[in-house]
N, C-alpha and C. Protein backbone atom coordinates (compact mmCIF):
# COMPACT_ATOMS: atom_id res chain seq x y z
N MET A 1 9.94 13.10 6.09
CA MET A 1 9.19 12.61 4.96
C MET A 1 8.94 13.76 3.99
N LYS A 2 8.90 13.43 2.75
CA LYS A 2 8.85 14.43 1.70
C LYS A 2 7.50 15.14 1.60
N PHE A 3 6.39 14.41 1.78
CA PHE A 3 5.06 14.99 1.63
C PHE A 3 4.30 14.95 2.95
N LYS A 4 3.33 15.85 3.08
CA LYS A 4 2.54 15.95 4.30
C LYS A 4 1.15 15.38 4.09
N LEU A 5 0.54 14.95 5.20
CA LEU A 5 -0.84 14.49 5.16
C LEU A 5 -1.73 15.61 4.67
N GLY A 6 -2.68 15.28 3.81
CA GLY A 6 -3.61 16.27 3.30
C GLY A 6 -3.21 16.89 1.98
N GLU A 7 -1.97 16.69 1.55
CA GLU A 7 -1.54 17.24 0.26
C GLU A 7 -2.05 16.37 -0.88
N VAL A 8 -2.18 16.95 -2.06
CA VAL A 8 -2.62 16.22 -3.24
C VAL A 8 -1.39 15.86 -4.07
N LEU A 9 -1.24 14.55 -4.35
CA LEU A 9 -0.08 14.06 -5.09
C LEU A 9 -0.51 13.38 -6.38
N ARG A 10 0.43 13.29 -7.31
CA ARG A 10 0.19 12.61 -8.58
C ARG A 10 1.27 11.57 -8.80
N ASP A 11 0.84 10.38 -9.22
CA ASP A 11 1.78 9.31 -9.57
C ASP A 11 2.35 9.64 -10.95
N LYS A 12 3.66 9.78 -11.04
CA LYS A 12 4.33 10.15 -12.30
C LYS A 12 4.15 9.09 -13.39
N ILE A 13 3.92 7.85 -13.00
CA ILE A 13 3.81 6.76 -13.97
C ILE A 13 2.39 6.60 -14.50
N THR A 14 1.42 6.54 -13.59
CA THR A 14 0.04 6.26 -14.01
C THR A 14 -0.82 7.51 -14.16
N GLY A 15 -0.41 8.61 -13.52
CA GLY A 15 -1.21 9.83 -13.54
C GLY A 15 -2.28 9.86 -12.45
N TYR A 16 -2.34 8.81 -11.62
CA TYR A 16 -3.32 8.74 -10.54
C TYR A 16 -3.12 9.92 -9.59
N ILE A 17 -4.21 10.60 -9.21
CA ILE A 17 -4.14 11.74 -8.30
C ILE A 17 -4.98 11.42 -7.07
N GLY A 18 -4.42 11.73 -5.89
CA GLY A 18 -5.14 11.50 -4.66
C GLY A 18 -4.60 12.33 -3.52
N VAL A 19 -5.38 12.38 -2.46
CA VAL A 19 -5.03 13.11 -1.24
C VAL A 19 -4.28 12.16 -0.31
N VAL A 20 -3.18 12.63 0.28
CA VAL A 20 -2.39 11.81 1.21
C VAL A 20 -3.20 11.62 2.49
N MET A 21 -3.59 10.36 2.75
CA MET A 21 -4.36 10.02 3.94
C MET A 21 -3.52 9.25 4.96
N GLY A 22 -2.39 8.71 4.51
CA GLY A 22 -1.52 7.95 5.40
C GLY A 22 -0.17 7.75 4.75
N ARG A 23 0.81 7.38 5.56
CA ARG A 23 2.13 7.08 5.02
C ARG A 23 2.78 6.01 5.88
N THR A 24 3.64 5.23 5.26
CA THR A 24 4.32 4.13 5.93
C THR A 24 5.79 4.19 5.59
N GLU A 25 6.63 4.09 6.62
CA GLU A 25 8.07 4.09 6.42
C GLU A 25 8.61 2.72 6.83
N TYR A 26 9.42 2.13 5.99
CA TYR A 26 9.97 0.79 6.23
C TYR A 26 11.44 0.87 6.60
N MET A 27 11.93 -0.14 7.30
CA MET A 27 13.34 -0.19 7.69
C MET A 27 14.26 -0.25 6.48
N THR A 28 13.76 -0.66 5.35
CA THR A 28 14.57 -0.76 4.13
C THR A 28 14.80 0.60 3.49
N GLY A 29 14.14 1.64 4.01
CA GLY A 29 14.31 2.99 3.48
C GLY A 29 13.18 3.45 2.58
N CYS A 30 12.25 2.55 2.27
CA CYS A 30 11.12 2.93 1.41
C CYS A 30 10.05 3.66 2.22
N THR A 31 9.42 4.63 1.60
CA THR A 31 8.28 5.32 2.19
C THR A 31 7.14 5.25 1.18
N HIS A 32 6.00 4.75 1.62
CA HIS A 32 4.82 4.66 0.76
C HIS A 32 3.75 5.58 1.30
N TYR A 33 2.98 6.15 0.40
CA TYR A 33 1.89 7.06 0.77
C TYR A 33 0.56 6.45 0.34
N GLY A 34 -0.41 6.51 1.23
CA GLY A 34 -1.76 6.05 0.93
C GLY A 34 -2.57 7.21 0.38
N LEU A 35 -2.93 7.13 -0.89
CA LEU A 35 -3.66 8.20 -1.55
C LEU A 35 -5.12 7.81 -1.71
N LEU A 36 -6.00 8.76 -1.43
CA LEU A 36 -7.43 8.56 -1.59
C LEU A 36 -7.92 9.42 -2.75
N SER A 37 -8.56 8.78 -3.71
CA SER A 37 -9.09 9.49 -4.86
C SER A 37 -10.22 10.41 -4.41
N PRO A 38 -10.30 11.62 -4.97
CA PRO A 38 -11.41 12.52 -4.63
C PRO A 38 -12.72 12.10 -5.29
N GLU A 39 -12.66 11.10 -6.17
CA GLU A 39 -13.86 10.64 -6.88
C GLU A 39 -14.37 9.33 -6.29
N LEU A 40 -15.68 9.14 -6.33
CA LEU A 40 -16.30 7.91 -5.85
C LEU A 40 -16.19 6.84 -6.92
N THR A 41 -16.38 5.58 -6.50
CA THR A 41 -16.38 4.47 -7.46
C THR A 41 -17.67 4.51 -8.28
N LYS A 42 -17.79 3.63 -9.25
CA LYS A 42 -19.00 3.55 -10.08
C LYS A 42 -20.24 3.27 -9.24
N ASP A 43 -20.04 2.58 -8.11
CA ASP A 43 -21.15 2.25 -7.21
C ASP A 43 -21.48 3.39 -6.25
N GLY A 44 -20.74 4.51 -6.34
CA GLY A 44 -20.98 5.64 -5.46
C GLY A 44 -20.35 5.49 -4.09
N LYS A 45 -19.35 4.62 -3.98
CA LYS A 45 -18.66 4.38 -2.71
C LYS A 45 -17.28 5.01 -2.72
N ILE A 46 -16.72 5.16 -1.53
CA ILE A 46 -15.36 5.67 -1.40
C ILE A 46 -14.38 4.56 -1.78
N ALA A 47 -13.43 4.88 -2.63
CA ALA A 47 -12.42 3.90 -3.08
C ALA A 47 -11.44 3.62 -1.95
N GLU A 48 -10.76 2.49 -2.05
CA GLU A 48 -9.71 2.17 -1.09
C GLU A 48 -8.47 3.00 -1.43
N TYR A 49 -7.59 3.18 -0.44
CA TYR A 49 -6.35 3.91 -0.66
C TYR A 49 -5.49 3.16 -1.66
N GLU A 50 -4.75 3.90 -2.46
CA GLU A 50 -3.72 3.35 -3.33
C GLU A 50 -2.38 3.67 -2.67
N TRP A 51 -1.60 2.64 -2.36
CA TRP A 51 -0.31 2.83 -1.71
C TRP A 51 0.79 2.88 -2.77
N ILE A 52 1.48 4.02 -2.83
CA ILE A 52 2.46 4.26 -3.90
C ILE A 52 3.78 4.73 -3.28
N ASP A 53 4.89 4.25 -3.85
CA ASP A 53 6.22 4.61 -3.36
C ASP A 53 6.49 6.10 -3.58
N GLU A 54 7.15 6.71 -2.60
CA GLU A 54 7.46 8.14 -2.62
C GLU A 54 8.19 8.59 -3.89
N SER A 55 9.07 7.75 -4.42
CA SER A 55 9.86 8.12 -5.60
C SER A 55 9.01 8.33 -6.84
N ARG A 56 7.79 7.79 -6.85
CA ARG A 56 6.89 7.92 -8.01
C ARG A 56 5.95 9.11 -7.90
N LEU A 57 5.99 9.83 -6.79
CA LEU A 57 4.99 10.87 -6.53
C LEU A 57 5.53 12.28 -6.68
N GLU A 58 4.63 13.18 -7.09
CA GLU A 58 4.96 14.60 -7.15
C GLU A 58 3.78 15.40 -6.59
N LEU A 59 4.10 16.54 -6.00
CA LEU A 59 3.09 17.40 -5.40
C LEU A 59 2.31 18.15 -6.47
N THR A 60 0.99 18.15 -6.35
CA THR A 60 0.17 18.92 -7.28
C THR A 60 -0.51 20.09 -6.57
N LYS A 61 -0.83 19.91 -5.28
CA LYS A 61 -1.53 20.94 -4.53
C LYS A 61 -1.27 20.75 -3.05
N LYS A 62 -0.85 21.81 -2.39
CA LYS A 62 -0.61 21.72 -0.95
C LYS A 62 -1.92 21.84 -0.18
N GLN A 63 -2.00 21.09 0.89
CA GLN A 63 -3.09 21.16 1.85
C GLN A 63 -4.50 21.22 1.25
N ALA A 64 -4.86 20.19 0.55
CA ALA A 64 -6.24 20.07 0.07
C ALA A 64 -7.16 19.80 1.24
N VAL A 65 -6.62 19.11 2.24
CA VAL A 65 -7.36 18.79 3.45
C VAL A 65 -6.56 19.29 4.63
N ARG A 66 -7.19 19.99 5.52
CA ARG A 66 -6.51 20.54 6.68
C ARG A 66 -6.89 19.75 7.93
N ARG A 67 -5.89 19.31 8.68
CA ARG A 67 -6.14 18.60 9.94
C ARG A 67 -6.30 19.61 11.06
N GLU A 68 -7.35 19.44 11.84
CA GLU A 68 -7.61 20.31 12.98
C GLU A 68 -7.33 19.54 14.27
N GLY A 69 -6.19 19.77 14.87
CA GLY A 69 -5.85 19.14 16.14
C GLY A 69 -5.66 17.64 16.01
N PRO A 70 -5.50 16.95 17.14
CA PRO A 70 -5.27 15.50 17.12
C PRO A 70 -6.53 14.75 16.67
N SER A 71 -6.31 13.66 15.98
CA SER A 71 -7.41 12.83 15.50
C SER A 71 -7.99 12.03 16.66
N ARG A 72 -9.28 11.85 16.64
CA ARG A 72 -9.94 11.04 17.67
C ARG A 72 -10.39 9.70 17.12
N SER A 73 -10.05 9.39 15.88
CA SER A 73 -10.38 8.09 15.32
C SER A 73 -9.09 7.35 15.03
N GLY A 74 -9.16 6.05 15.07
CA GLY A 74 -7.98 5.25 14.80
C GLY A 74 -7.10 5.10 16.02
N PRO A 75 -6.00 4.37 15.88
CA PRO A 75 -5.11 4.13 17.02
C PRO A 75 -4.42 5.41 17.49
N GLU A 76 -4.16 5.46 18.78
CA GLU A 76 -3.47 6.60 19.37
C GLU A 76 -2.05 6.19 19.73
N GLN A 77 -1.15 7.16 19.80
CA GLN A 77 0.22 6.89 20.17
C GLN A 77 0.32 6.30 21.57
N ASN A 78 -0.40 6.92 22.50
CA ASN A 78 -0.33 6.47 23.89
C ASN A 78 -1.72 6.60 24.53
N PRO A 79 -2.56 5.55 24.41
CA PRO A 79 -3.91 5.65 24.94
C PRO A 79 -3.97 5.90 26.44
N ALA A 80 -2.90 5.56 27.18
CA ALA A 80 -2.90 5.76 28.63
C ALA A 80 -2.95 7.23 29.01
N ARG A 81 -2.50 8.11 28.13
CA ARG A 81 -2.50 9.54 28.42
C ARG A 81 -3.91 10.07 28.61
N ARG A 82 -4.92 9.46 27.93
CA ARG A 82 -6.30 9.91 28.08
C ARG A 82 -6.83 9.65 29.47
N MET A 83 -6.30 8.65 30.14
CA MET A 83 -6.82 8.22 31.43
C MET A 83 -6.31 9.08 32.58
N GLN A 84 -5.30 9.88 32.33
CA GLN A 84 -4.71 10.68 33.40
C GLN A 84 -5.51 11.91 33.69
């Protein structure tokens, strides 16, 4: 995949800027990135991710967010490994 989690990307069409929080790869060859805006909504809440095709994105800043080890939230690749 072209971009890494935690990098800051910009949509070439709309100018939207966000941090890569997730990515999805489809069998058709498309890869979409879930970008989270660093700004809160008018209500002071965290906005939902904007999912944008890889071809529309460009890197603006590497590693705005750094991942420390495996995540403990969300689904795991193999939950049975924890039980061993």
